[in-house]
Amino acid sequence: AIPGLQRNNRNAQREDDISNIAAAITGIVNNNKGKTVTSTE
């Protein structure tokens, strides 16, 4: 069971990180009145 639990823990951390990135991108889009994100942003 230990490897599966460790894998689930790493996946939960990745999900957190992806959520943070998505929130940052959503913030950029909202601040730019719906325009898509640029590579600079």
PDB file of all heavy atoms in Angstrom:
ATOM      1  N   ALA A   1       0.803  -1.221   0.000  1.00  0.00           N
ATOM      2  CA  ALA A   1       0.000   0.000   0.000  1.00  0.00           C
ATOM      3  C   ALA A   1       0.836   1.273   0.000  1.00  0.00           C
ATOM      4  O   ALA A   1       0.386   2.302  -0.503  1.00  0.00           O
ATOM      5  CB  ALA A   1      -0.923   0.005   1.214  1.00  0.00           C
ATOM      6  N   ILE A   2       2.046   1.244   0.533  1.00  0.00           N
ATOM      7  CA  ILE A   2       2.857   2.462   0.679  1.00  0.00           C
ATOM      8  C   ILE A   2       3.142   3.149  -0.659  1.00  0.00           C
ATOM      9  O   ILE A   2       2.950   4.355  -0.775  1.00  0.00           O
ATOM     10  CB  ILE A   2       4.142   2.181   1.474  1.00  0.00           C
ATOM     11  CG1 ILE A   2       3.783   2.026   2.946  1.00  0.00           C
ATOM     12  CG2 ILE A   2       5.175   3.278   1.294  1.00  0.00           C
ATOM     13  CD1 ILE A   2       4.944   1.660   3.832  1.00  0.00           C
ATOM     14  N   PRO A   3       3.597   2.454  -1.709  1.00  0.00           N
ATOM     15  CA  PRO A   3       3.837   3.167  -2.977  1.00  0.00           C
ATOM     16  C   PRO A   3       2.594   3.851  -3.531  1.00  0.00           C
ATOM     17  O   PRO A   3       2.673   4.954  -4.074  1.00  0.00           O
ATOM     18  CB  PRO A   3       4.333   2.066  -3.917  1.00  0.00           C
ATOM     19  CG  PRO A   3       4.885   1.024  -3.027  1.00  0.00           C
ATOM     20  CD  PRO A   3       4.038   1.059  -1.789  1.00  0.00           C
ATOM     21  N   GLY A   4       1.447   3.209  -3.409  1.00  0.00           N
ATOM     22  CA  GLY A   4       0.202   3.825  -3.877  1.00  0.00           C
ATOM     23  C   GLY A   4      -0.135   5.080  -3.094  1.00  0.00           C
ATOM     24  O   GLY A   4      -0.575   6.079  -3.657  1.00  0.00           O
ATOM     25  N   LEU A   5       0.078   5.040  -1.790  1.00  0.00           N
ATOM     26  CA  LEU A   5      -0.186   6.226  -0.967  1.00  0.00           C
ATOM     27  C   LEU A   5       0.766   7.359  -1.325  1.00  0.00           C
ATOM     28  O   LEU A   5       0.365   8.526  -1.394  1.00  0.00           O
ATOM     29  CB  LEU A   5      -0.063   5.867   0.519  1.00  0.00           C
ATOM     30  CG  LEU A   5      -1.126   4.907   1.060  1.00  0.00           C
ATOM     31  CD1 LEU A   5      -0.783   4.492   2.479  1.00  0.00           C
ATOM     32  CD2 LEU A   5      -2.490   5.549   1.003  1.00  0.00           C
ATOM     33  N   GLN A   6       2.034   7.030  -1.552  1.00  0.00           N
ATOM     34  CA  GLN A   6       3.003   8.063  -1.943  1.00  0.00           C
ATOM     35  C   GLN A   6       2.647   8.653  -3.301  1.00  0.00           C
ATOM     36  O   GLN A   6       2.739   9.870  -3.502  1.00  0.00           O
ATOM     37  CB  GLN A   6       4.412   7.469  -1.970  1.00  0.00           C
ATOM     38  CG  GLN A   6       4.946   7.129  -0.604  1.00  0.00           C
ATOM     39  CD  GLN A   6       6.256   6.368  -0.667  1.00  0.00           C
ATOM     40  OE1 GLN A   6       6.553   5.685  -1.649  1.00  0.00           O
ATOM     41  NE2 GLN A   6       7.052   6.480   0.394  1.00  0.00           N
ATOM     42  N   ARG A   7       2.242   7.800  -4.232  1.00  0.00           N
ATOM     43  CA  ARG A   7       1.844   8.271  -5.563  1.00  0.00           C
ATOM     44  C   ARG A   7       0.637   9.195  -5.452  1.00  0.00           C
ATOM     45  O   ARG A   7       0.591  10.251  -6.087  1.00  0.00           O
ATOM     46  CB  ARG A   7       1.541   7.061  -6.451  1.00  0.00           C
ATOM     47  CG  ARG A   7       1.120   7.405  -7.848  1.00  0.00           C
ATOM     48  CD  ARG A   7       0.899   6.176  -8.730  1.00  0.00           C
ATOM     49  NE  ARG A   7      -0.002   5.214  -8.145  1.00  0.00           N
ATOM     50  CZ  ARG A   7       0.333   3.979  -7.780  1.00  0.00           C
ATOM     51  NH1 ARG A   7       1.573   3.559  -7.924  1.00  0.00           N
ATOM     52  NH2 ARG A   7      -0.570   3.154  -7.256  1.00  0.00           N
ATOM     53  N   ASN A   8      -0.346   8.827  -4.649  1.00  0.00           N
ATOM     54  CA  ASN A   8      -1.530   9.673  -4.465  1.00  0.00           C
ATOM     55  C   ASN A   8      -1.159  11.015  -3.846  1.00  0.00           C
ATOM     56  O   ASN A   8      -1.738  12.049  -4.190  1.00  0.00           O
ATOM     57  CB  ASN A   8      -2.565   8.960  -3.599  1.00  0.00           C
ATOM     58  CG  ASN A   8      -3.199   7.792  -4.326  1.00  0.00           C
ATOM     59  OD1 ASN A   8      -3.099   7.686  -5.549  1.00  0.00           O
ATOM     60  ND2 ASN A   8      -3.828   6.918  -3.575  1.00  0.00           N
ATOM     61  N   ASN A   9      -0.197  11.009  -2.924  1.00  0.00           N
ATOM     62  CA  ASN A   9       0.255  12.255  -2.298  1.00  0.00           C
ATOM     63  C   ASN A   9       0.918  13.172  -3.330  1.00  0.00           C
ATOM     64  O   ASN A   9       0.653  14.369  -3.373  1.00  0.00           O
ATOM     65  CB  ASN A   9       1.208  11.938  -1.146  1.00  0.00           C
ATOM     66  CG  ASN A   9       1.533  13.152  -0.325  1.00  0.00           C
ATOM     67  OD1 ASN A   9       0.814  14.136  -0.348  1.00  0.00           O
ATOM     68  ND2 ASN A   9       2.630  13.096   0.399  1.00  0.00           N
ATOM     69  N   ARG A  10       1.788  12.599  -4.166  1.00  0.00           N
ATOM     70  CA  ARG A  10       2.435  13.405  -5.212  1.00  0.00           C
ATOM     71  C   ARG A  10       1.402  13.930  -6.208  1.00  0.00           C
ATOM     72  O   ARG A  10       1.477  15.082  -6.639  1.00  0.00           O
ATOM     73  CB  ARG A  10       3.511  12.589  -5.922  1.00  0.00           C
ATOM     74  CG  ARG A  10       4.747  12.334  -5.087  1.00  0.00           C
ATOM     75  CD  ARG A  10       5.855  11.711  -5.907  1.00  0.00           C
ATOM     76  NE  ARG A  10       5.508  10.411  -6.446  1.00  0.00           N
ATOM     77  CZ  ARG A  10       5.729   9.251  -5.841  1.00  0.00           C
ATOM     78  NH1 ARG A  10       6.293   9.223  -4.654  1.00  0.00           N
ATOM     79  NH2 ARG A  10       5.392   8.112  -6.423  1.00  0.00           N
ATOM     80  N   ASN A  11       0.417  13.111  -6.572  1.00  0.00           N
ATOM     81  CA  ASN A  11      -0.627  13.557  -7.501  1.00  0.00           C
ATOM     82  C   ASN A  11      -1.471  14.668  -6.896  1.00  0.00           C
ATOM     83  O   ASN A  11      -1.859  15.606  -7.595  1.00  0.00           O
ATOM     84  CB  ASN A  11      -1.507  12.381  -7.916  1.00  0.00           C
ATOM     85  CG  ASN A  11      -0.826  11.476  -8.924  1.00  0.00           C
ATOM     86  OD1 ASN A  11       0.145  11.863  -9.567  1.00  0.00           O
ATOM     87  ND2 ASN A  11      -1.329  10.265  -9.042  1.00  0.00           N
ATOM     88  N   ALA A  12      -1.749  14.580  -5.610  1.00  0.00           N
ATOM     89  CA  ALA A  12      -2.511  15.649  -4.941  1.00  0.00           C
ATOM     90  C   ALA A  12      -1.713  16.949  -4.951  1.00  0.00           C
ATOM     91  O   ALA A  12      -2.271  18.035  -5.151  1.00  0.00           O
ATOM     92  CB  ALA A  12      -2.849  15.242  -3.509  1.00  0.00           C
ATOM     93  N   GLN A  13      -0.396  16.853  -4.756  1.00  0.00           N
ATOM     94  CA  GLN A  13       0.449  18.046  -4.793  1.00  0.00           C
ATOM     95  C   GLN A  13       0.483  18.635  -6.200  1.00  0.00           C
ATOM     96  O   GLN A  13       0.430  19.847  -6.374  1.00  0.00           O
ATOM     97  CB  GLN A  13       1.871  17.704  -4.324  1.00  0.00           C
ATOM     98  CG  GLN A  13       2.722  18.917  -4.093  1.00  0.00           C
ATOM     99  CD  GLN A  13       2.117  19.823  -3.037  1.00  0.00           C
ATOM    100  OE1 GLN A  13       1.870  19.392  -1.917  1.00  0.00           O
ATOM    101  NE2 GLN A  13       1.856  21.053  -3.382  1.00  0.00           N
ATOM    102  N   ARG A  14       0.559  17.771  -7.222  1.00  0.00           N
ATOM    103  CA  ARG A  14       0.521  18.257  -8.607  1.00  0.00           C
ATOM    104  C   ARG A  14      -0.808  18.955  -8.897  1.00  0.00           C
ATOM    105  O   ARG A  14      -0.846  19.982  -9.551  1.00  0.00           O
ATOM    106  CB  ARG A  14       0.704  17.094  -9.585  1.00  0.00           C
ATOM    107  CG  ARG A  14       2.112  16.637  -9.719  1.00  0.00           C
ATOM    108  CD  ARG A  14       2.260  15.570 -10.796  1.00  0.00           C
ATOM    109  NE  ARG A  14       3.598  15.027 -10.735  1.00  0.00           N
ATOM    110  CZ  ARG A  14       3.953  13.975 -10.016  1.00  0.00           C
ATOM    111  NH1 ARG A  14       3.061  13.317  -9.322  1.00  0.00           N
ATOM    112  NH2 ARG A  14       5.201  13.564 -10.005  1.00  0.00           N
ATOM    113  N   GLU A  15      -1.895  18.370  -8.413  1.00  0.00           N
ATOM    114  CA  GLU A  15      -3.215  18.968  -8.614  1.00  0.00           C
ATOM    115  C   GLU A  15      -3.274  20.349  -7.973  1.00  0.00           C
ATOM    116  O   GLU A  15      -3.834  21.283  -8.552  1.00  0.00           O
ATOM    117  CB  GLU A  15      -4.291  18.048  -8.024  1.00  0.00           C
ATOM    118  CG  GLU A  15      -5.695  18.464  -8.345  1.00  0.00           C
ATOM    119  CD  GLU A  15      -6.087  18.231  -9.790  1.00  0.00           C
ATOM    120  OE1 GLU A  15      -5.632  17.250 -10.386  1.00  0.00           O
ATOM    121  OE2 GLU A  15      -6.861  19.050 -10.314  1.00  0.00           O
ATOM    122  N   ASP A  16      -2.684  20.497  -6.802  1.00  0.00           N
ATOM    123  CA  ASP A  16      -2.599  21.807  -6.140  1.00  0.00           C
ATOM    124  C   ASP A  16      -1.816  22.805  -6.992  1.00  0.00           C
ATOM    125  O   ASP A  16      -2.227  23.950  -7.158  1.00  0.00           O
ATOM    126  CB  ASP A  16      -1.897  21.665  -4.788  1.00  0.00           C
ATOM    127  CG  ASP A  16      -2.846  21.767  -3.628  1.00  0.00           C
ATOM    128  OD1 ASP A  16      -4.048  21.919  -3.866  1.00  0.00           O
ATOM    129  OD2 ASP A  16      -2.359  21.697  -2.490  1.00  0.00           O
ATOM    130  N   ASP A  17      -0.671  22.354  -7.504  1.00  0.00           N
ATOM    131  CA  ASP A  17       0.166  23.230  -8.316  1.00  0.00           C
ATOM    132  C   ASP A  17      -0.553  23.655  -9.595  1.00  0.00           C
ATOM    133  O   ASP A  17      -0.504  24.817  -9.988  1.00  0.00           O
ATOM    134  CB  ASP A  17       1.487  22.531  -8.660  1.00  0.00           C
ATOM    135  CG  ASP A  17       2.361  22.313  -7.443  1.00  0.00           C
ATOM    136  OD1 ASP A  17       2.127  22.966  -6.404  1.00  0.00           O
ATOM    137  OD2 ASP A  17       3.270  21.472  -7.512  1.00  0.00           O
ATOM    138  N   ILE A  18      -1.230  22.708 -10.232  1.00  0.00           N
ATOM    139  CA  ILE A  18      -1.969  23.021 -11.457  1.00  0.00           C
ATOM    140  C   ILE A  18      -3.097  24.012 -11.145  1.00  0.00           C
ATOM    141  O   ILE A  18      -3.349  24.939 -11.910  1.00  0.00           O
ATOM    142  CB  ILE A  18      -2.522  21.732 -12.099  1.00  0.00           C
ATOM    143  CG1 ILE A  18      -1.371  20.819 -12.554  1.00  0.00           C
ATOM    144  CG2 ILE A  18      -3.459  22.037 -13.243  1.00  0.00           C
ATOM    145  CD1 ILE A  18      -0.455  21.420 -13.588  1.00  0.00           C
ATOM    146  N   SER A  19      -3.748  23.835 -10.011  1.00  0.00           N
ATOM    147  CA  SER A  19      -4.811  24.772  -9.610  1.00  0.00           C
ATOM    148  C   SER A  19      -4.257  26.174  -9.396  1.00  0.00           C
ATOM    149  O   SER A  19      -4.902  27.161  -9.761  1.00  0.00           O
ATOM    150  CB  SER A  19      -5.488  24.286  -8.334  1.00  0.00           C
ATOM    151  OG  SER A  19      -6.161  23.083  -8.564  1.00  0.00           O
ATOM    152  N   ASN A  20      -3.065  26.265  -8.806  1.00  0.00           N
ATOM    153  CA  ASN A  20      -2.434  27.580  -8.615  1.00  0.00           C
ATOM    154  C   ASN A  20      -2.114  28.243  -9.947  1.00  0.00           C
ATOM    155  O   ASN A  20      -2.334  29.442 -10.123  1.00  0.00           O
ATOM    156  CB  ASN A  20      -1.157  27.444  -7.784  1.00  0.00           C
ATOM    157  CG  ASN A  20      -1.438  27.207  -6.331  1.00  0.00           C
ATOM    158  OD1 ASN A  20      -2.514  27.506  -5.842  1.00  0.00           O
ATOM    159  ND2 ASN A  20      -0.469  26.656  -5.628  1.00  0.00           N
ATOM    160  N   ILE A  21      -1.586  27.464 -10.886  1.00  0.00           N
ATOM    161  CA  ILE A  21      -1.266  28.012 -12.204  1.00  0.00           C
ATOM    162  C   ILE A  21      -2.555  28.448 -12.912  1.00  0.00           C
ATOM    163  O   ILE A  21      -2.617  29.533 -13.503  1.00  0.00           O
ATOM    164  CB  ILE A  21      -0.492  26.979 -13.052  1.00  0.00           C
ATOM    165  CG1 ILE A  21       0.879  26.703 -12.429  1.00  0.00           C
ATOM    166  CG2 ILE A  21      -0.330  27.463 -14.483  1.00  0.00           C
ATOM    167  CD1 ILE A  21       1.616  25.538 -13.057  1.00  0.00           C
ATOM    168  N   ALA A  22      -3.587  27.616 -12.834  1.00  0.00           N
ATOM    169  CA  ALA A  22      -4.871  27.960 -13.475  1.00  0.00           C
ATOM    170  C   ALA A  22      -5.466  29.224 -12.862  1.00  0.00           C
ATOM    171  O   ALA A  22      -6.009  30.075 -13.575  1.00  0.00           O
ATOM    172  CB  ALA A  22      -5.846  26.791 -13.347  1.00  0.00           C
ATOM    173  N   ALA A  23      -5.351  29.368 -11.536  1.00  0.00           N
ATOM    174  CA  ALA A  23      -5.865  30.572 -10.873  1.00  0.00           C
ATOM    175  C   ALA A  23      -5.105  31.809 -11.324  1.00  0.00           C
ATOM    176  O   ALA A  23      -5.692  32.877 -11.534  1.00  0.00           O
ATOM    177  CB  ALA A  23      -5.785  30.414  -9.365  1.00  0.00           C
ATOM    178  N   ALA A  24      -3.782  31.670 -11.485  1.00  0.00           N
ATOM    179  CA  ALA A  24      -2.987  32.802 -11.951  1.00  0.00           C
ATOM    180  C   ALA A  24      -3.374  33.192 -13.377  1.00  0.00           C
ATOM    181  O   ALA A  24      -3.506  34.378 -13.695  1.00  0.00           O
ATOM    182  CB  ALA A  24      -1.494  32.462 -11.876  1.00  0.00           C
ATOM    183  N   ILE A  25      -3.586  32.197 -14.233  1.00  0.00           N
ATOM    184  CA  ILE A  25      -3.980  32.482 -15.620  1.00  0.00           C
ATOM    185  C   ILE A  25      -5.367  33.117 -15.658  1.00  0.00           C
ATOM    186  O   ILE A  25      -5.599  34.082 -16.399  1.00  0.00           O
ATOM    187  CB  ILE A  25      -3.923  31.198 -16.467  1.00  0.00           C
ATOM    188  CG1 ILE A  25      -2.466  30.792 -16.663  1.00  0.00           C
ATOM    189  CG2 ILE A  25      -4.617  31.383 -17.806  1.00  0.00           C
ATOM    190  CD1 ILE A  25      -2.278  29.458 -17.327  1.00  0.00           C
ATOM    191  N   THR A  26      -6.276  32.622 -14.839  1.00  0.00           N
ATOM    192  CA  THR A  26      -7.615  33.211 -14.773  1.00  0.00           C
ATOM    193  C   THR A  26      -7.541  34.659 -14.310  1.00  0.00           C
ATOM    194  O   THR A  26      -8.250  35.526 -14.828  1.00  0.00           O
ATOM    195  CB  THR A  26      -8.516  32.384 -13.831  1.00  0.00           C
ATOM    196  OG1 THR A  26      -8.569  31.042 -14.315  1.00  0.00           O
ATOM    197  CG2 THR A  26      -9.917  32.949 -13.764  1.00  0.00           C
ATOM    198  N   GLY A  27      -6.671  34.933 -13.344  1.00  0.00           N
ATOM    199  CA  GLY A  27      -6.486  36.306 -12.884  1.00  0.00           C
ATOM    200  C   GLY A  27      -5.971  37.216 -13.982  1.00  0.00           C
ATOM    201  O   GLY A  27      -6.434  38.355 -14.122  1.00  0.00           O
ATOM    202  N   ILE A  28      -5.041  36.713 -14.780  1.00  0.00           N
ATOM    203  CA  ILE A  28      -4.514  37.508 -15.894  1.00  0.00           C
ATOM    204  C   ILE A  28      -5.622  37.793 -16.907  1.00  0.00           C
ATOM    205  O   ILE A  28      -5.786  38.934 -17.360  1.00  0.00           O
ATOM    206  CB  ILE A  28      -3.353  36.765 -16.589  1.00  0.00           C
ATOM    207  CG1 ILE A  28      -2.135  36.708 -15.672  1.00  0.00           C
ATOM    208  CG2 ILE A  28      -2.971  37.446 -17.891  1.00  0.00           C
ATOM    209  CD1 ILE A  28      -1.035  35.814 -16.193  1.00  0.00           C
ATOM    210  N   VAL A  29      -6.385  36.768 -17.274  1.00  0.00           N
ATOM    211  CA  VAL A  29      -7.458  36.939 -18.262  1.00  0.00           C
ATOM    212  C   VAL A  29      -8.499  37.932 -17.749  1.00  0.00           C
ATOM    213  O   VAL A  29      -8.961  38.802 -18.483  1.00  0.00           O
ATOM    214  CB  VAL A  29      -8.096  35.574 -18.606  1.00  0.00           C
ATOM    215  CG1 VAL A  29      -9.350  35.751 -19.443  1.00  0.00           C
ATOM    216  CG2 VAL A  29      -7.094  34.698 -19.335  1.00  0.00           C
ATOM    217  N   ASN A  30      -8.849  37.825 -16.480  1.00  0.00           N
ATOM    218  CA  ASN A  30      -9.833  38.758 -15.910  1.00  0.00           C
ATOM    219  C   ASN A  30      -9.298  40.189 -15.884  1.00  0.00           C
ATOM    220  O   ASN A  30     -10.043  41.137 -16.128  1.00  0.00           O
ATOM    221  CB  ASN A  30     -10.224  38.322 -14.502  1.00  0.00           C
ATOM    222  CG  ASN A  30     -11.067  37.078 -14.509  1.00  0.00           C
ATOM    223  OD1 ASN A  30     -11.655  36.714 -15.522  1.00  0.00           O
ATOM    224  ND2 ASN A  30     -11.126  36.390 -13.380  1.00  0.00           N
ATOM    225  N   ASN A  31      -8.022  40.356 -15.584  1.00  0.00           N
ATOM    226  CA  ASN A  31      -7.427  41.697 -15.553  1.00  0.00           C
ATOM    227  C   ASN A  31      -7.272  42.286 -16.952  1.00  0.00           C
ATOM    228  O   ASN A  31      -7.213  43.505 -17.110  1.00  0.00           O
ATOM    229  CB  ASN A  31      -6.069  41.675 -14.861  1.00  0.00           C
ATOM    230  CG  ASN A  31      -6.204  41.458 -13.373  1.00  0.00           C
ATOM    231  OD1 ASN A  31      -7.261  41.691 -12.792  1.00  0.00           O
ATOM    232  ND2 ASN A  31      -5.141  40.991 -12.746  1.00  0.00           N
ATOM    233  N   ASN A  32      -7.180  41.417 -17.969  1.00  0.00           N
ATOM    234  CA  ASN A  32      -7.020  41.881 -19.350  1.00  0.00           C
ATOM    235  C   ASN A  32      -8.340  41.891 -20.116  1.00  0.00           C
ATOM    236  O   ASN A  32      -8.351  41.827 -21.346  1.00  0.00           O
ATOM    237  CB  ASN A  32      -6.015  41.008 -20.100  1.00  0.00           C
ATOM    238  CG  ASN A  32      -4.609  41.244 -19.619  1.00  0.00           C
ATOM    239  OD1 ASN A  32      -4.308  42.263 -19.008  1.00  0.00           O
ATOM    240  ND2 ASN A  32      -3.735  40.291 -19.879  1.00  0.00           N
ATOM    241  N   LYS A  33      -9.448  41.935 -19.400  1.00  0.00           N
ATOM    242  CA  LYS A  33     -10.784  42.013 -20.004  1.00  0.00           C
ATOM    243  C   LYS A  33     -11.052  40.874 -20.981  1.00  0.00           C
ATOM    244  O   LYS A  33     -11.601  41.075 -22.056  1.00  0.00           O
ATOM    245  CB  LYS A  33     -10.965  43.362 -20.694  1.00  0.00           C
ATOM    246  CG  LYS A  33     -10.857  44.518 -19.725  1.00  0.00           C
ATOM    247  CD  LYS A  33     -10.962  45.834 -20.432  1.00  0.00           C
ATOM    248  CE  LYS A  33     -10.748  46.944 -19.415  1.00  0.00           C
ATOM    249  NZ  LYS A  33     -10.610  48.243 -20.019  1.00  0.00           N
ATOM    250  N   GLY A  34     -10.631  39.665 -20.612  1.00  0.00           N
ATOM    251  CA  GLY A  34     -10.933  38.480 -21.404  1.00  0.00           C
ATOM    252  C   GLY A  34      -9.950  38.149 -22.494  1.00  0.00           C
ATOM    253  O   GLY A  34     -10.133  37.165 -23.203  1.00  0.00           O
ATOM    254  N   LYS A  35      -8.888  38.933 -22.653  1.00  0.00           N
ATOM    255  CA  LYS A  35      -7.902  38.616 -23.689  1.00  0.00           C
ATOM    256  C   LYS A  35      -7.078  37.405 -23.259  1.00  0.00           C
ATOM    257  O   LYS A  35      -6.872  37.168 -22.079  1.00  0.00           O
ATOM    258  CB  LYS A  35      -6.975  39.802 -23.927  1.00  0.00           C
ATOM    259  CG  LYS A  35      -7.682  40.985 -24.545  1.00  0.00           C
ATOM    260  CD  LYS A  35      -6.711  42.113 -24.764  1.00  0.00           C
ATOM    261  CE  LYS A  35      -7.440  43.335 -25.297  1.00  0.00           C
ATOM    262  NZ  LYS A  35      -6.569  44.500 -25.352  1.00  0.00           N
ATOM    263  N   THR A  36      -6.590  36.663 -24.239  1.00  0.00           N
ATOM    264  CA  THR A  36      -5.807  35.468 -23.921  1.00  0.00           C
ATOM    265  C   THR A  36      -4.473  35.842 -23.291  1.00  0.00           C
ATOM    266  O   THR A  36      -3.986  36.959 -23.424  1.00  0.00           O
ATOM    267  CB  THR A  36      -5.546  34.623 -25.186  1.00  0.00           C
ATOM    268  OG1 THR A  36      -4.894  35.447 -26.145  1.00  0.00           O
ATOM    269  CG2 THR A  36      -6.821  34.075 -25.758  1.00  0.00           C
ATOM    270  N   VAL A  37      -3.882  34.877 -22.636  1.00  0.00           N
ATOM    271  CA  VAL A  37      -2.621  35.073 -21.930  1.00  0.00           C
ATOM    272  C   VAL A  37      -1.482  35.135 -22.938  1.00  0.00           C
ATOM    273  O   VAL A  37      -1.444  34.377 -23.902  1.00  0.00           O
ATOM    274  CB  VAL A  37      -2.385  33.897 -20.961  1.00  0.00           C
ATOM    275  CG1 VAL A  37      -1.145  34.098 -20.149  1.00  0.00           C
ATOM    276  CG2 VAL A  37      -3.576  33.711 -20.061  1.00  0.00           C
ATOM    277  N   THR A  38      -0.536  36.040 -22.709  1.00  0.00           N
ATOM    278  CA  THR A  38       0.641  36.131 -23.579  1.00  0.00           C
ATOM    279  C   THR A  38       1.798  35.379 -22.930  1.00  0.00           C
ATOM    280  O   THR A  38       1.788  35.082 -21.739  1.00  0.00           O
ATOM    281  CB  THR A  38       1.055  37.590 -23.798  1.00  0.00           C
ATOM    282  OG1 THR A  38       1.478  38.137 -22.548  1.00  0.00           O
ATOM    283  CG2 THR A  38      -0.083  38.411 -24.370  1.00  0.00           C
ATOM    284  N   SER A  39       2.818  35.093 -23.733  1.00  0.00           N
ATOM    285  CA  SER A  39       3.980  34.379 -23.192  1.00  0.00           C
ATOM    286  C   SER A  39       4.710  35.221 -22.152  1.00  0.00           C
ATOM    287  O   SER A  39       5.301  34.690 -21.220  1.00  0.00           O
ATOM    288  CB  SER A  39       4.924  33.958 -24.311  1.00  0.00           C
ATOM    289  OG  SER A  39       5.326  35.084 -25.055  1.00  0.00           O
ATOM    290  N   THR A  40       4.660  36.559 -22.272  1.00  0.00           N
ATOM    291  CA  THR A  40       5.274  37.429 -21.264  1.00  0.00           C
ATOM    292  C   THR A  40       4.572  37.271 -19.930  1.00  0.00           C
ATOM    293  O   THR A  40       5.220  37.187 -18.878  1.00  0.00           O
ATOM    294  CB  THR A  40       5.193  38.904 -21.715  1.00  0.00           C
ATOM    295  OG1 THR A  40       5.768  39.026 -23.008  1.00  0.00           O
ATOM    296  CG2 THR A  40       5.899  39.808 -20.745  1.00  0.00           C
ATOM    297  N   GLU A  41       3.262  37.199 -19.962  1.00  0.00           N
ATOM    298  CA  GLU A  41       2.507  37.022 -18.719  1.00  0.00           C
ATOM    299  C   GLU A  41       2.739  35.641 -18.116  1.00  0.00           C
ATOM    300  O   GLU A  41       2.833  35.488 -16.896  1.00  0.00           O
ATOM    301  CB  GLU A  41       1.014  37.255 -18.986  1.00  0.00           C
ATOM    302  CG  GLU A  41       0.705  38.697 -19.328  1.00  0.00           C
ATOM    303  CD  GLU A  41      -0.658  38.869 -19.964  1.00  0.00           C
ATOM    304  OE1 GLU A  41      -1.146  37.953 -20.644  1.00  0.00           O
ATOM    305  OE2 GLU A  41      -1.240  39.954 -19.779  1.00  0.00           O
TER     306      GLU A  41
END
